[in-house]
C-alpha cells in the first residue's frame, strides 16, 4: 500500500512539473510513465478545422518540411491569342484599418491592378483611413458596410476607370443589410465582389448560408443573362478536397460541409467557371487562407477560399489566375486575374 501511494505521488509531481514547464514555455526532460507520455502526445496534431500544426514525427525522425505553393510566372496571353488588358486583384483584408497599418497599400501599388476589390473591411465609411480614401491611383472608390454591426463584414471596390453603373447588394434586404456585395458594370462585363457569409462555428448559420447560395446564384444568373460577369472575393468554401490541407478532418466544419460545397457546384453548373481550376486543375497546396494560430501559414496548412469565377463567355479571354501567397498583411492572401476583354 505504501509503495502504491508513493508511486501515485511521484506521478502527480512529474505531471505537475511538466505542466508548469509547458505553461512557462520551457523545455523539460522530466521522465514520465509510458501511459502519461501517450496522453501528452495526444495534444499535438491537426485539429478538426485543419488549422493545427503538423503531426508529431516518430522519435529520431526530422519533421517533414511543409510543401509550399510557388506562384508560377504570369501568363499574359489568352488561349485565343489576345493580350491581357484587364488586371483585377481581390483581397480579404481582415480589417481595413489594420491592413493599411501593415503596409497593405504598398503591395497594392506594386501589383498595380486596374481594379482592386477588398472584403471583410470591417470599417464604416466615416472611419475609412485617409491613406486609402486619398489614393490618386484609384479615383473611383465604392464602399459597402454592415448596417447593423459596425466593424463587421464590408466590401470595397477601387477602380482606375469609372464604371458605367454601380449597385450594392443583391436586392434582398435580409442579405443586403450586411454589406457583402458590390457590382460594377463595365462596357464588356459586370464585376461582382462578394464576401460570402460563413456558416460559423457549430454551423449555426448553415441554413442561412444555404438560402444565401440560392439567392446569390439567382442574382448572378440574372446579370449573366444581360452581360458576362466576373465574380471575385472570399466565397467561404473550399470546393474540393484538393482545396484544403485537411479535408478529412473538416467535413463537418464551416467552409467544407457538403451543403456549402454543393452550393458552389450548383453555381458552376449554372454556367460559371472557377478560373484557377480551369488553368491549374491538379495544382495542390495552393491556398489563400491560413489561420493565425499554430503557425499555420508557415506550415501551409490552409484553405483556398478566394476565387475568380467567370461566365463561360469570358473564358476565351482568360489569361491567368494568380495566388499571391507571399503577400502578407491578412490571414488571407490576394489573388489576381489577367483577362483579355
C-alpha atoms as a PDB file:
ATOM      1  CA  UNK A   1       0.000   0.000   0.000  1.00  0.00           C
ATOM      2  CA  UNK A   2       2.841   2.379   0.947  1.00  0.00           C
ATOM      3  CA  UNK A   3       4.648   1.643  -2.363  1.00  0.00           C
ATOM      4  CA  UNK A   4       1.490   2.308  -4.417  1.00  0.00           C
ATOM      5  CA  UNK A   5       0.866   5.589  -2.601  1.00  0.00           C
ATOM      6  CA  UNK A   6       4.446   6.767  -3.217  1.00  0.00           C
ATOM      7  CA  UNK A   7       4.235   5.824  -6.887  1.00  0.00           C
ATOM      8  CA  UNK A   8       0.999   7.797  -7.241  1.00  0.00           C
ATOM      9  CA  UNK A   9       2.504  10.851  -5.585  1.00  0.00           C
ATOM     10  CA  UNK A  10       5.612  10.616  -7.795  1.00  0.00           C
ATOM     11  CA  UNK A  11       3.472  10.513 -10.954  1.00  0.00           C
ATOM     12  CA  UNK A  12       1.482  13.507  -9.739  1.00  0.00           C
ATOM     13  CA  UNK A  13       4.651  15.525  -9.111  1.00  0.00           C
ATOM     14  CA  UNK A  14       6.026  14.614 -12.546  1.00  0.00           C
ATOM     15  CA  UNK A  15       2.837  15.575 -14.389  1.00  0.00           C
ATOM     16  CA  UNK A  16       2.603  18.850 -12.457  1.00  0.00           C
ATOM     17  CA  UNK A  17       6.233  19.605 -13.296  1.00  0.00           C
ATOM     18  CA  UNK A  18       5.626  19.042 -16.993  1.00  0.00           C
ATOM     19  CA  UNK A  19       2.520  21.263 -16.921  1.00  0.00           C
ATOM     20  CA  UNK A  20       4.430  24.037 -15.165  1.00  0.00           C
ATOM     21  CA  UNK A  21       7.290  23.992 -17.678  1.00  0.00           C
ATOM     22  CA  UNK A  22       4.898  23.979 -20.644  1.00  0.00           C
ATOM     23  CA  UNK A  23       2.896  26.922 -19.347  1.00  0.00           C
ATOM     24  CA  UNK A  24       6.146  28.825 -18.945  1.00  0.00           C
ATOM     25  CA  UNK A  25       7.199  27.916 -22.477  1.00  0.00           C
ATOM     26  CA  UNK A  26      10.230  25.934 -21.278  1.00  0.00           C
ATOM     27  CA  UNK A  27      11.528  22.592 -22.404  1.00  0.00           C
ATOM     28  CA  UNK A  28      11.512  19.719 -19.937  1.00  0.00           C
ATOM     29  CA  UNK A  29      13.217  16.381 -19.683  1.00  0.00           C
ATOM     30  CA  UNK A  30      11.108  15.091 -16.778  1.00  0.00           C
ATOM     31  CA  UNK A  31      10.715  11.331 -17.169  1.00  0.00           C
ATOM     32  CA  UNK A  32       7.103  10.194 -17.360  1.00  0.00           C
ATOM     33  CA  UNK A  33       5.468   6.786 -17.347  1.00  0.00           C
ATOM     34  CA  UNK A  34       4.586   5.462 -20.783  1.00  0.00           C
ATOM     35  CA  UNK A  35       0.856   5.981 -20.341  1.00  0.00           C
ATOM     36  CA  UNK A  36       1.308   9.626 -19.304  1.00  0.00           C
ATOM     37  CA  UNK A  37       3.610  10.238 -22.302  1.00  0.00           C
ATOM     38  CA  UNK A  38       0.998   8.865 -24.669  1.00  0.00           C
ATOM     39  CA  UNK A  39      -1.638  11.191 -23.242  1.00  0.00           C
ATOM     40  CA  UNK A  40       0.674  14.208 -23.581  1.00  0.00           C
ATOM     41  CA  UNK A  41       1.456  13.401 -27.219  1.00  0.00           C
ATOM     42  CA  UNK A  42      -2.250  13.350 -27.970  1.00  0.00           C
ATOM     43  CA  UNK A  43      -2.479  17.139 -27.677  1.00  0.00           C
ATOM     44  CA  UNK A  44      -0.482  17.606 -30.876  1.00  0.00           C
ATOM     45  CA  UNK A  45      -1.519  17.027 -34.475  1.00  0.00           C
ATOM     46  CA  UNK A  46      -4.097  18.574 -36.808  1.00  0.00           C
ATOM     47  CA  UNK A  47      -7.403  19.615 -35.300  1.00  0.00           C
ATOM     48  CA  UNK A  48     -10.821  19.102 -36.862  1.00  0.00           C
ATOM     49  CA  UNK A  49     -10.768  22.518 -38.502  1.00  0.00           C
ATOM     50  CA  UNK A  50      -7.469  21.873 -40.240  1.00  0.00           C
ATOM     51  CA  UNK A  51      -5.694  24.732 -38.506  1.00  0.00           C
ATOM     52  CA  UNK A  52      -3.400  22.875 -36.111  1.00  0.00           C
ATOM     53  CA  UNK A  53       0.259  22.050 -36.519  1.00  0.00           C
ATOM     54  CA  UNK A  54       1.554  19.075 -38.428  1.00  0.00           C
ATOM     55  CA  UNK A  55       1.528  15.709 -36.641  1.00  0.00           C
ATOM     56  CA  UNK A  56       4.452  14.736 -34.453  1.00  0.00           C
ATOM     57  CA  UNK A  57       7.098  12.726 -36.158  1.00  0.00           C
ATOM     58  CA  UNK A  58       8.299   9.438 -34.719  1.00  0.00           C
ATOM     59  CA  UNK A  59      11.222   9.624 -32.314  1.00  0.00           C
ATOM     60  CA  UNK A  60      14.503  10.032 -34.130  1.00  0.00           C
ATOM     61  CA  UNK A  61      12.989  11.438 -37.364  1.00  0.00           C
ATOM     62  CA  UNK A  62      13.154  15.028 -38.504  1.00  0.00           C
ATOM     63  CA  UNK A  63       9.776  16.778 -39.066  1.00  0.00           C
ATOM     64  CA  UNK A  64       8.785  16.838 -42.723  1.00  0.00           C
ATOM     65  CA  UNK A  65       9.282  20.185 -44.408  1.00  0.00           C
ATOM     66  CA  UNK A  66       5.979  21.819 -45.429  1.00  0.00           C
ATOM     67  CA  UNK A  67       5.065  21.721 -49.095  1.00  0.00           C
ATOM     68  CA  UNK A  68       4.689  25.311 -50.242  1.00  0.00           C
ATOM     69  CA  UNK A  69       2.965  26.669 -53.322  1.00  0.00           C
ATOM     70  CA  UNK A  70       5.094  28.702 -55.713  1.00  0.00           C
ATOM     71  CA  UNK A  71       3.161  31.144 -57.861  1.00  0.00           C
ATOM     72  CA  UNK A  72       4.331  30.438 -61.442  1.00  0.00           C
ATOM     73  CA  UNK A  73       5.258  33.131 -63.979  1.00  0.00           C
ATOM     74  CA  UNK A  74       2.374  35.182 -65.302  1.00  0.00           C
ATOM     75  CA  UNK A  75       0.584  34.172 -68.482  1.00  0.00           C
ATOM     76  CA  UNK A  76      -0.379  37.342 -70.305  1.00  0.00           C
ATOM     77  CA  UNK A  77      -1.923  35.864 -73.439  1.00  0.00           C
ATOM     78  CA  UNK A  78      -5.270  34.100 -73.712  1.00  0.00           C
ATOM     79  CA  UNK A  79      -5.813  30.783 -75.476  1.00  0.00           C
ATOM     80  CA  UNK A  80      -7.241  32.621 -78.463  1.00  0.00           C
ATOM     81  CA  UNK A  81      -4.098  34.741 -78.734  1.00  0.00           C
ATOM     82  CA  UNK A  82      -5.257  38.013 -77.220  1.00  0.00           C
ATOM     83  CA  UNK A  83      -3.095  40.019 -74.826  1.00  0.00           C
ATOM     84  CA  UNK A  84      -4.377  40.655 -71.320  1.00  0.00           C
ATOM     85  CA  UNK A  85      -5.786  44.163 -70.996  1.00  0.00           C
ATOM     86  CA  UNK A  86      -7.593  43.872 -67.667  1.00  0.00           C
ATOM     87  CA  UNK A  87      -5.983  43.135 -64.297  1.00  0.00           C
ATOM     88  CA  UNK A  88      -8.166  42.664 -61.226  1.00  0.00           C
ATOM     89  CA  UNK A  89      -6.965  41.964 -57.690  1.00  0.00           C
ATOM     90  CA  UNK A  90      -9.102  40.686 -54.829  1.00  0.00           C
ATOM     91  CA  UNK A  91      -8.066  40.509 -51.170  1.00  0.00           C
ATOM     92  CA  UNK A  92      -9.845  39.705 -47.924  1.00  0.00           C
ATOM     93  CA  UNK A  93      -8.004  42.170 -45.700  1.00  0.00           C
ATOM     94  CA  UNK A  94      -9.491  41.051 -42.351  1.00  0.00           C
ATOM     95  CA  UNK A  95      -9.920  44.632 -41.180  1.00  0.00           C
ATOM     96  CA  UNK A  96      -9.089  47.530 -43.481  1.00  0.00           C
ATOM     97  CA  UNK A  97      -7.559  49.827 -40.877  1.00  0.00           C
ATOM     98  CA  UNK A  98      -5.206  47.156 -39.543  1.00  0.00           C
ATOM     99  CA  UNK A  99      -4.303  46.102 -43.087  1.00  0.00           C
ATOM    100  CA  UNK A 100      -3.365  49.668 -44.017  1.00  0.00           C
ATOM    101  CA  UNK A 101      -1.133  49.851 -40.935  1.00  0.00           C
ATOM    102  CA  UNK A 102       0.529  46.611 -42.077  1.00  0.00           C
ATOM    103  CA  UNK A 103       1.503  48.358 -45.346  1.00  0.00           C
ATOM    104  CA  UNK A 104      -1.053  46.557 -47.495  1.00  0.00           C
ATOM    105  CA  UNK A 105      -1.232  49.553 -49.812  1.00  0.00           C
ATOM    106  CA  UNK A 106       2.474  49.274 -50.584  1.00  0.00           C
ATOM    107  CA  UNK A 107       1.832  45.842 -52.060  1.00  0.00           C
ATOM    108  CA  UNK A 108      -1.181  47.135 -53.998  1.00  0.00           C
ATOM    109  CA  UNK A 109       0.907  49.868 -55.602  1.00  0.00           C
ATOM    110  CA  UNK A 110       3.491  47.310 -56.707  1.00  0.00           C
ATOM    111  CA  UNK A 111       0.831  44.940 -58.054  1.00  0.00           C
ATOM    112  CA  UNK A 112      -0.902  47.875 -59.764  1.00  0.00           C
ATOM    113  CA  UNK A 113      -4.229  46.283 -60.753  1.00  0.00           C
ATOM    114  CA  UNK A 114      -6.794  48.154 -62.820  1.00  0.00           C
ATOM    115  CA  UNK A 115      -9.404  47.287 -60.203  1.00  0.00           C
ATOM    116  CA  UNK A 116      -8.898  46.411 -56.543  1.00  0.00           C
ATOM    117  CA  UNK A 117     -11.624  44.546 -54.653  1.00  0.00           C
ATOM    118  CA  UNK A 118     -11.480  44.152 -50.877  1.00  0.00           C
ATOM    119  CA  UNK A 119     -13.515  42.026 -48.495  1.00  0.00           C
ATOM    120  CA  UNK A 120     -14.050  41.943 -44.739  1.00  0.00           C
ATOM    121  CA  UNK A 121     -13.151  45.603 -44.444  1.00  0.00           C
ATOM    122  CA  UNK A 122     -14.850  45.854 -41.020  1.00  0.00           C
ATOM    123  CA  UNK A 123     -14.923  49.614 -41.344  1.00  0.00           C
ATOM    124  CA  UNK A 124     -17.725  52.151 -41.644  1.00  0.00           C
ATOM    125  CA  UNK A 125     -17.278  54.648 -44.450  1.00  0.00           C
ATOM    126  CA  UNK A 126     -16.907  57.514 -41.965  1.00  0.00           C
ATOM    127  CA  UNK A 127     -13.923  55.718 -40.373  1.00  0.00           C
ATOM    128  CA  UNK A 128     -12.006  54.864 -43.554  1.00  0.00           C
ATOM    129  CA  UNK A 129      -8.259  55.643 -43.379  1.00  0.00           C
ATOM    130  CA  UNK A 130      -7.197  58.691 -45.363  1.00  0.00           C
ATOM    131  CA  UNK A 131      -4.336  56.643 -46.796  1.00  0.00           C
ATOM    132  CA  UNK A 132      -6.819  54.711 -48.917  1.00  0.00           C
ATOM    133  CA  UNK A 133      -9.573  57.271 -49.483  1.00  0.00           C
ATOM    134  CA  UNK A 134      -6.977  59.644 -50.877  1.00  0.00           C
ATOM    135  CA  UNK A 135      -5.254  57.215 -53.261  1.00  0.00           C
ATOM    136  CA  UNK A 136      -4.885  59.109 -56.545  1.00  0.00           C
ATOM    137  CA  UNK A 137      -4.267  55.861 -58.443  1.00  0.00           C
ATOM    138  CA  UNK A 138      -7.918  54.894 -57.910  1.00  0.00           C
ATOM    139  CA  UNK A 139     -10.153  57.938 -58.325  1.00  0.00           C
ATOM    140  CA  UNK A 140     -13.346  55.861 -58.293  1.00  0.00           C
ATOM    141  CA  UNK A 141     -13.957  54.176 -54.940  1.00  0.00           C
ATOM    142  CA  UNK A 142     -17.020  52.337 -53.670  1.00  0.00           C
ATOM    143  CA  UNK A 143     -17.749  51.045 -50.167  1.00  0.00           C
ATOM    144  CA  UNK A 144     -20.385  48.855 -48.541  1.00  0.00           C
ATOM    145  CA  UNK A 145     -20.683  48.020 -44.845  1.00  0.00           C
ATOM    146  CA  UNK A 146     -22.976  46.373 -42.352  1.00  0.00           C
ATOM    147  CA  UNK A 147     -25.998  48.456 -41.391  1.00  0.00           C
ATOM    148  CA  UNK A 148     -26.483  46.754 -38.026  1.00  0.00           C
ATOM    149  CA  UNK A 149     -22.995  45.847 -36.810  1.00  0.00           C
ATOM    150  CA  UNK A 150     -20.142  48.311 -37.025  1.00  0.00           C
ATOM    151  CA  UNK A 151     -16.809  46.605 -37.594  1.00  0.00           C
ATOM    152  CA  UNK A 152     -18.450  43.610 -39.280  1.00  0.00           C
ATOM    153  CA  UNK A 153     -18.300  42.326 -42.859  1.00  0.00           C
ATOM    154  CA  UNK A 154     -17.936  45.010 -45.539  1.00  0.00           C
ATOM    155  CA  UNK A 155     -16.555  45.147 -49.100  1.00  0.00           C
ATOM    156  CA  UNK A 156     -14.908  47.767 -51.301  1.00  0.00           C
ATOM    157  CA  UNK A 157     -14.051  48.326 -54.957  1.00  0.00           C
ATOM    158  CA  UNK A 158     -11.409  50.768 -56.211  1.00  0.00           C
ATOM    159  CA  UNK A 159     -11.238  51.473 -59.940  1.00  0.00           C
ATOM    160  CA  UNK A 160      -8.905  53.381 -62.222  1.00  0.00           C
ATOM    161  CA  UNK A 161     -11.669  53.752 -64.804  1.00  0.00           C
ATOM    162  CA  UNK A 162     -15.165  54.827 -63.818  1.00  0.00           C
ATOM    163  CA  UNK A 163     -17.778  52.060 -64.202  1.00  0.00           C
ATOM    164  CA  UNK A 164     -20.950  52.653 -66.178  1.00  0.00           C
ATOM    165  CA  UNK A 165     -23.008  51.855 -63.094  1.00  0.00           C
ATOM    166  CA  UNK A 166     -22.516  50.627 -59.533  1.00  0.00           C
ATOM    167  CA  UNK A 167     -25.037  48.833 -57.297  1.00  0.00           C
ATOM    168  CA  UNK A 168     -24.938  47.463 -53.775  1.00  0.00           C
ATOM    169  CA  UNK A 169     -26.321  44.165 -52.544  1.00  0.00           C
ATOM    170  CA  UNK A 170     -28.384  41.613 -54.453  1.00  0.00           C
ATOM    171  CA  UNK A 171     -31.854  43.048 -53.980  1.00  0.00           C
ATOM    172  CA  UNK A 172     -32.814  41.132 -50.841  1.00  0.00           C
ATOM    173  CA  UNK A 173     -32.885  43.007 -47.531  1.00  0.00           C
ATOM    174  CA  UNK A 174     -32.013  40.004 -45.366  1.00  0.00           C
ATOM    175  CA  UNK A 175     -28.687  39.756 -47.211  1.00  0.00           C
ATOM    176  CA  UNK A 176     -28.009  43.335 -48.190  1.00  0.00           C
ATOM    177  CA  UNK A 177     -28.012  44.768 -44.660  1.00  0.00           C
ATOM    178  CA  UNK A 178     -24.677  43.044 -44.003  1.00  0.00           C
ATOM    179  CA  UNK A 179     -22.809  44.908 -46.767  1.00  0.00           C
ATOM    180  CA  UNK A 180     -21.476  41.902 -48.660  1.00  0.00           C
ATOM    181  CA  UNK A 181     -21.744  42.713 -52.370  1.00  0.00           C
ATOM    182  CA  UNK A 182     -20.800  45.487 -54.786  1.00  0.00           C
ATOM    183  CA  UNK A 183     -21.496  45.169 -58.520  1.00  0.00           C
ATOM    184  CA  UNK A 184     -19.901  47.416 -61.145  1.00  0.00           C
ATOM    185  CA  UNK A 185     -20.936  47.444 -64.793  1.00  0.00           C
ATOM    186  CA  UNK A 186     -18.274  47.985 -67.424  1.00  0.00           C
ATOM    187  CA  UNK A 187     -18.745  48.054 -71.218  1.00  0.00           C
ATOM    188  CA  UNK A 188     -17.937  44.366 -71.707  1.00  0.00           C
ATOM    189  CA  UNK A 189     -18.719  42.718 -68.368  1.00  0.00           C
ATOM    190  CA  UNK A 190     -20.071  43.022 -64.853  1.00  0.00           C
ATOM    191  CA  UNK A 191     -17.666  42.783 -61.919  1.00  0.00           C
ATOM    192  CA  UNK A 192     -19.130  41.461 -58.672  1.00  0.00           C
ATOM    193  CA  UNK A 193     -17.099  41.432 -55.479  1.00  0.00           C
ATOM    194  CA  UNK A 194     -18.547  39.457 -52.580  1.00  0.00           C
ATOM    195  CA  UNK A 195     -17.835  38.428 -49.027  1.00  0.00           C
ATOM    196  CA  UNK A 196     -19.993  35.331 -48.725  1.00  0.00           C
ATOM    197  CA  UNK A 197     -21.378  34.630 -45.229  1.00  0.00           C
ATOM    198  CA  UNK A 198     -19.638  31.984 -43.174  1.00  0.00           C
ATOM    199  CA  UNK A 199     -21.690  29.113 -41.775  1.00  0.00           C
ATOM    200  CA  UNK A 200     -19.964  29.935 -38.459  1.00  0.00           C
ATOM    201  CA  UNK A 201     -18.665  27.809 -35.615  1.00  0.00           C
ATOM    202  CA  UNK A 202     -21.069  24.995 -34.864  1.00  0.00           C
ATOM    203  CA  UNK A 203     -22.711  25.641 -38.266  1.00  0.00           C
ATOM    204  CA  UNK A 204     -25.215  27.943 -36.590  1.00  0.00           C
ATOM    205  CA  UNK A 205     -25.635  29.918 -39.852  1.00  0.00           C
ATOM    206  CA  UNK A 206     -25.601  26.974 -42.237  1.00  0.00           C
ATOM    207  CA  UNK A 207     -29.318  27.289 -43.009  1.00  0.00           C
ATOM    208  CA  UNK A 208     -28.839  30.987 -43.722  1.00  0.00           C
ATOM    209  CA  UNK A 209     -25.833  30.193 -45.889  1.00  0.00           C
ATOM    210  CA  UNK A 210     -27.905  27.736 -47.940  1.00  0.00           C
ATOM    211  CA  UNK A 211     -30.520  30.447 -48.508  1.00  0.00           C
ATOM    212  CA  UNK A 212     -27.792  32.890 -49.471  1.00  0.00           C
ATOM    213  CA  UNK A 213     -26.332  30.459 -52.007  1.00  0.00           C
ATOM    214  CA  UNK A 214     -29.679  30.067 -53.754  1.00  0.00           C
ATOM    215  CA  UNK A 215     -30.419  33.797 -53.819  1.00  0.00           C
ATOM    216  CA  UNK A 216     -26.896  34.807 -54.822  1.00  0.00           C
ATOM    217  CA  UNK A 217     -26.837  32.274 -57.661  1.00  0.00           C
ATOM    218  CA  UNK A 218     -30.143  33.652 -58.950  1.00  0.00           C
ATOM    219  CA  UNK A 219     -28.709  37.174 -58.803  1.00  0.00           C
ATOM    220  CA  UNK A 220     -25.605  36.182 -60.764  1.00  0.00           C
ATOM    221  CA  UNK A 221     -27.628  34.310 -63.369  1.00  0.00           C
ATOM    222  CA  UNK A 222     -29.762  37.410 -63.842  1.00  0.00           C
ATOM    223  CA  UNK A 223     -26.675  39.507 -64.501  1.00  0.00           C
ATOM    224  CA  UNK A 224     -25.184  36.892 -66.803  1.00  0.00           C
ATOM    225  CA  UNK A 225     -28.310  36.979 -68.937  1.00  0.00           C
ATOM    226  CA  UNK A 226     -27.557  40.632 -69.639  1.00  0.00           C
ATOM    227  CA  UNK A 227     -23.767  40.644 -69.878  1.00  0.00           C
ATOM    228  CA  UNK A 228     -20.976  38.202 -68.865  1.00  0.00           C
ATOM    229  CA  UNK A 229     -19.541  38.644 -65.401  1.00  0.00           C
ATOM    230  CA  UNK A 230     -16.506  38.220 -63.193  1.00  0.00           C
ATOM    231  CA  UNK A 231     -17.202  37.251 -59.594  1.00  0.00           C
ATOM    232  CA  UNK A 232     -14.361  37.715 -57.123  1.00  0.00           C
ATOM    233  CA  UNK A 233     -13.918  37.576 -53.399  1.00  0.00           C
ATOM    234  CA  UNK A 234     -13.925  35.406 -50.325  1.00  0.00           C
ATOM    235  CA  UNK A 235     -16.579  32.813 -51.171  1.00  0.00           C
ATOM    236  CA  UNK A 236     -16.026  30.957 -47.897  1.00  0.00           C
ATOM    237  CA  UNK A 237     -15.930  27.464 -49.356  1.00  0.00           C
ATOM    238  CA  UNK A 238     -13.172  25.039 -50.254  1.00  0.00           C
ATOM    239  CA  UNK A 239     -14.834  23.316 -53.165  1.00  0.00           C
ATOM    240  CA  UNK A 240     -12.856  20.094 -53.477  1.00  0.00           C
ATOM    241  CA  UNK A 241     -10.532  18.093 -51.238  1.00  0.00           C
ATOM    242  CA  UNK A 242      -7.572  19.489 -53.168  1.00  0.00           C
ATOM    243  CA  UNK A 243      -8.583  22.959 -51.952  1.00  0.00           C
ATOM    244  CA  UNK A 244      -7.591  22.486 -48.300  1.00  0.00           C
ATOM    245  CA  UNK A 245      -4.861  20.777 -46.336  1.00  0.00           C
ATOM    246  CA  UNK A 246      -7.025  18.633 -44.081  1.00  0.00           C
ATOM    247  CA  UNK A 247     -10.232  17.601 -45.866  1.00  0.00           C
ATOM    248  CA  UNK A 248     -10.849  14.519 -43.756  1.00  0.00           C
ATOM    249  CA  UNK A 249     -10.975  16.457 -40.503  1.00  0.00           C
ATOM    250  CA  UNK A 250     -13.161  19.281 -41.829  1.00  0.00           C
ATOM    251  CA  UNK A 251     -16.203  17.624 -43.386  1.00  0.00           C
ATOM    252  CA  UNK A 252     -18.429  18.928 -40.605  1.00  0.00           C
ATOM    253  CA  UNK A 253     -16.817  22.354 -40.323  1.00  0.00           C
ATOM    254  CA  UNK A 254     -17.829  25.655 -41.874  1.00  0.00           C
ATOM    255  CA  UNK A 255     -16.383  26.074 -45.348  1.00  0.00           C
ATOM    256  CA  UNK A 256     -16.257  22.386 -46.225  1.00  0.00           C
ATOM    257  CA  UNK A 257     -19.685  20.991 -45.415  1.00  0.00           C
ATOM    258  CA  UNK A 258     -21.445  19.005 -48.145  1.00  0.00           C
ATOM    259  CA  UNK A 259     -24.095  21.730 -48.313  1.00  0.00           C
ATOM    260  CA  UNK A 260     -21.638  24.564 -48.951  1.00  0.00           C
ATOM    261  CA  UNK A 261     -19.672  22.544 -51.477  1.00  0.00           C
ATOM    262  CA  UNK A 262     -22.865  21.569 -53.291  1.00  0.00           C
ATOM    263  CA  UNK A 263     -23.888  25.230 -53.393  1.00  0.00           C
ATOM    264  CA  UNK A 264     -20.663  26.062 -55.225  1.00  0.00           C
ATOM    265  CA  UNK A 265     -21.086  23.084 -57.532  1.00  0.00           C
ATOM    266  CA  UNK A 266     -24.539  24.344 -58.479  1.00  0.00           C
ATOM    267  CA  UNK A 267     -23.080  27.771 -59.237  1.00  0.00           C
ATOM    268  CA  UNK A 268     -20.571  26.221 -61.646  1.00  0.00           C
ATOM    269  CA  UNK A 269     -23.290  24.102 -63.227  1.00  0.00           C
ATOM    270  CA  UNK A 270     -25.259  27.298 -63.867  1.00  0.00           C
ATOM    271  CA  UNK A 271     -22.667  28.324 -66.443  1.00  0.00           C
ATOM    272  CA  UNK A 272     -19.738  29.695 -64.445  1.00  0.00           C
ATOM    273  CA  UNK A 273     -16.108  28.567 -64.133  1.00  0.00           C
ATOM    274  CA  UNK A 274     -13.549  28.568 -61.333  1.00  0.00           C
ATOM    275  CA  UNK A 275     -10.728  30.313 -63.201  1.00  0.00           C
ATOM    276  CA  UNK A 276      -7.887  28.877 -61.114  1.00  0.00           C
ATOM    277  CA  UNK A 277      -9.024  25.273 -61.565  1.00  0.00           C
ATOM    278  CA  UNK A 278      -9.639  25.926 -65.252  1.00  0.00           C
ATOM    279  CA  UNK A 279      -5.940  26.709 -65.655  1.00  0.00           C
ATOM    280  CA  UNK A 280      -4.474  24.567 -62.877  1.00  0.00           C
ATOM    281  CA  UNK A 281      -6.824  21.590 -62.419  1.00  0.00           C
ATOM    282  CA  UNK A 282      -4.389  19.407 -60.468  1.00  0.00           C
ATOM    283  CA  UNK A 283      -2.428  22.017 -58.515  1.00  0.00           C
ATOM    284  CA  UNK A 284      -2.365  21.047 -54.840  1.00  0.00           C
ATOM    285  CA  UNK A 285      -1.200  23.087 -51.825  1.00  0.00           C
ATOM    286  CA  UNK A 286      -2.496  26.303 -53.417  1.00  0.00           C
ATOM    287  CA  UNK A 287      -4.299  28.078 -50.592  1.00  0.00           C
ATOM    288  CA  UNK A 288      -5.494  31.630 -49.921  1.00  0.00           C
ATOM    289  CA  UNK A 289      -6.344  31.468 -46.199  1.00  0.00           C
ATOM    290  CA  UNK A 290      -4.418  30.321 -43.138  1.00  0.00           C
ATOM    291  CA  UNK A 291      -5.500  30.748 -39.535  1.00  0.00           C
ATOM    292  CA  UNK A 292      -3.231  32.894 -37.374  1.00  0.00           C
ATOM    293  CA  UNK A 293      -2.938  30.021 -34.896  1.00  0.00           C
ATOM    294  CA  UNK A 294      -0.320  27.271 -34.689  1.00  0.00           C
ATOM    295  CA  UNK A 295       1.985  28.757 -37.362  1.00  0.00           C
ATOM    296  CA  UNK A 296      -0.444  27.502 -39.984  1.00  0.00           C
ATOM    297  CA  UNK A 297       0.825  29.800 -42.727  1.00  0.00           C
ATOM    298  CA  UNK A 298       4.482  28.835 -42.394  1.00  0.00           C
ATOM    299  CA  UNK A 299       3.412  25.192 -42.492  1.00  0.00           C
ATOM    300  CA  UNK A 300       0.996  25.863 -45.383  1.00  0.00           C
ATOM    301  CA  UNK A 301      -1.946  24.348 -43.522  1.00  0.00           C
ATOM    302  CA  UNK A 302      -4.550  26.341 -45.405  1.00  0.00           C
ATOM    303  CA  UNK A 303      -7.719  26.613 -47.448  1.00  0.00           C
ATOM    304  CA  UNK A 304      -8.491  28.023 -50.902  1.00  0.00           C
ATOM    305  CA  UNK A 305     -11.465  30.251 -50.126  1.00  0.00           C
ATOM    306  CA  UNK A 306     -10.882  33.148 -52.544  1.00  0.00           C
ATOM    307  CA  UNK A 307     -11.885  32.895 -56.198  1.00  0.00           C
ATOM    308  CA  UNK A 308     -12.287  34.495 -59.563  1.00  0.00           C
ATOM    309  CA  UNK A 309     -15.361  32.905 -61.134  1.00  0.00           C
ATOM    310  CA  UNK A 310     -16.126  33.710 -64.773  1.00  0.00           C
ATOM    311  CA  UNK A 311     -19.092  33.489 -67.091  1.00  0.00           C
ATOM    312  CA  UNK A 312     -18.484  30.959 -69.851  1.00  0.00           C
ATOM    313  CA  UNK A 313     -18.489  33.778 -72.424  1.00  0.00           C
ATOM    314  CA  UNK A 314     -15.326  35.244 -70.830  1.00  0.00           C
ATOM    315  CA  UNK A 315     -13.336  32.008 -70.802  1.00  0.00           C
ATOM    316  CA  UNK A 316     -11.716  32.520 -74.225  1.00  0.00           C
ATOM    317  CA  UNK A 317     -10.119  35.680 -72.830  1.00  0.00           C
ATOM    318  CA  UNK A 318      -8.809  34.102 -69.625  1.00  0.00           C
ATOM    319  CA  UNK A 319      -5.044  34.604 -69.418  1.00  0.00           C
ATOM    320  CA  UNK A 320      -4.114  33.782 -65.827  1.00  0.00           C
ATOM    321  CA  UNK A 321      -5.477  33.427 -62.311  1.00  0.00           C
ATOM    322  CA  UNK A 322      -2.826  34.060 -59.678  1.00  0.00           C
ATOM    323  CA  UNK A 323      -2.491  33.286 -55.967  1.00  0.00           C
ATOM    324  CA  UNK A 324      -0.105  35.840 -54.443  1.00  0.00           C
ATOM    325  CA  UNK A 325       0.666  33.732 -51.396  1.00  0.00           C
ATOM    326  CA  UNK A 326       3.788  35.648 -50.353  1.00  0.00           C
ATOM    327  CA  UNK A 327       1.868  38.896 -49.765  1.00  0.00           C
ATOM    328  CA  UNK A 328       1.366  39.495 -46.052  1.00  0.00           C
ATOM    329  CA  UNK A 329      -0.978  41.713 -44.063  1.00  0.00           C
ATOM    330  CA  UNK A 330      -4.008  39.483 -43.522  1.00  0.00           C
ATOM    331  CA  UNK A 331      -4.948  35.883 -42.795  1.00  0.00           C
ATOM    332  CA  UNK A 332      -5.837  35.720 -46.500  1.00  0.00           C
ATOM    333  CA  UNK A 333      -3.512  36.448 -49.401  1.00  0.00           C
ATOM    334  CA  UNK A 334      -4.516  38.412 -52.504  1.00  0.00           C
ATOM    335  CA  UNK A 335      -5.454  36.835 -55.827  1.00  0.00           C
ATOM    336  CA  UNK A 336      -5.112  38.449 -59.250  1.00  0.00           C
ATOM    337  CA  UNK A 337      -6.871  37.844 -62.561  1.00  0.00           C
ATOM    338  CA  UNK A 338      -5.465  38.631 -66.011  1.00  0.00           C
ATOM    339  CA  UNK A 339      -8.159  38.874 -68.659  1.00  0.00           C
ATOM    340  CA  UNK A 340      -8.446  39.888 -72.307  1.00  0.00           C
ATOM    341  CA  UNK A 341     -11.767  41.672 -72.846  1.00  0.00           C
END
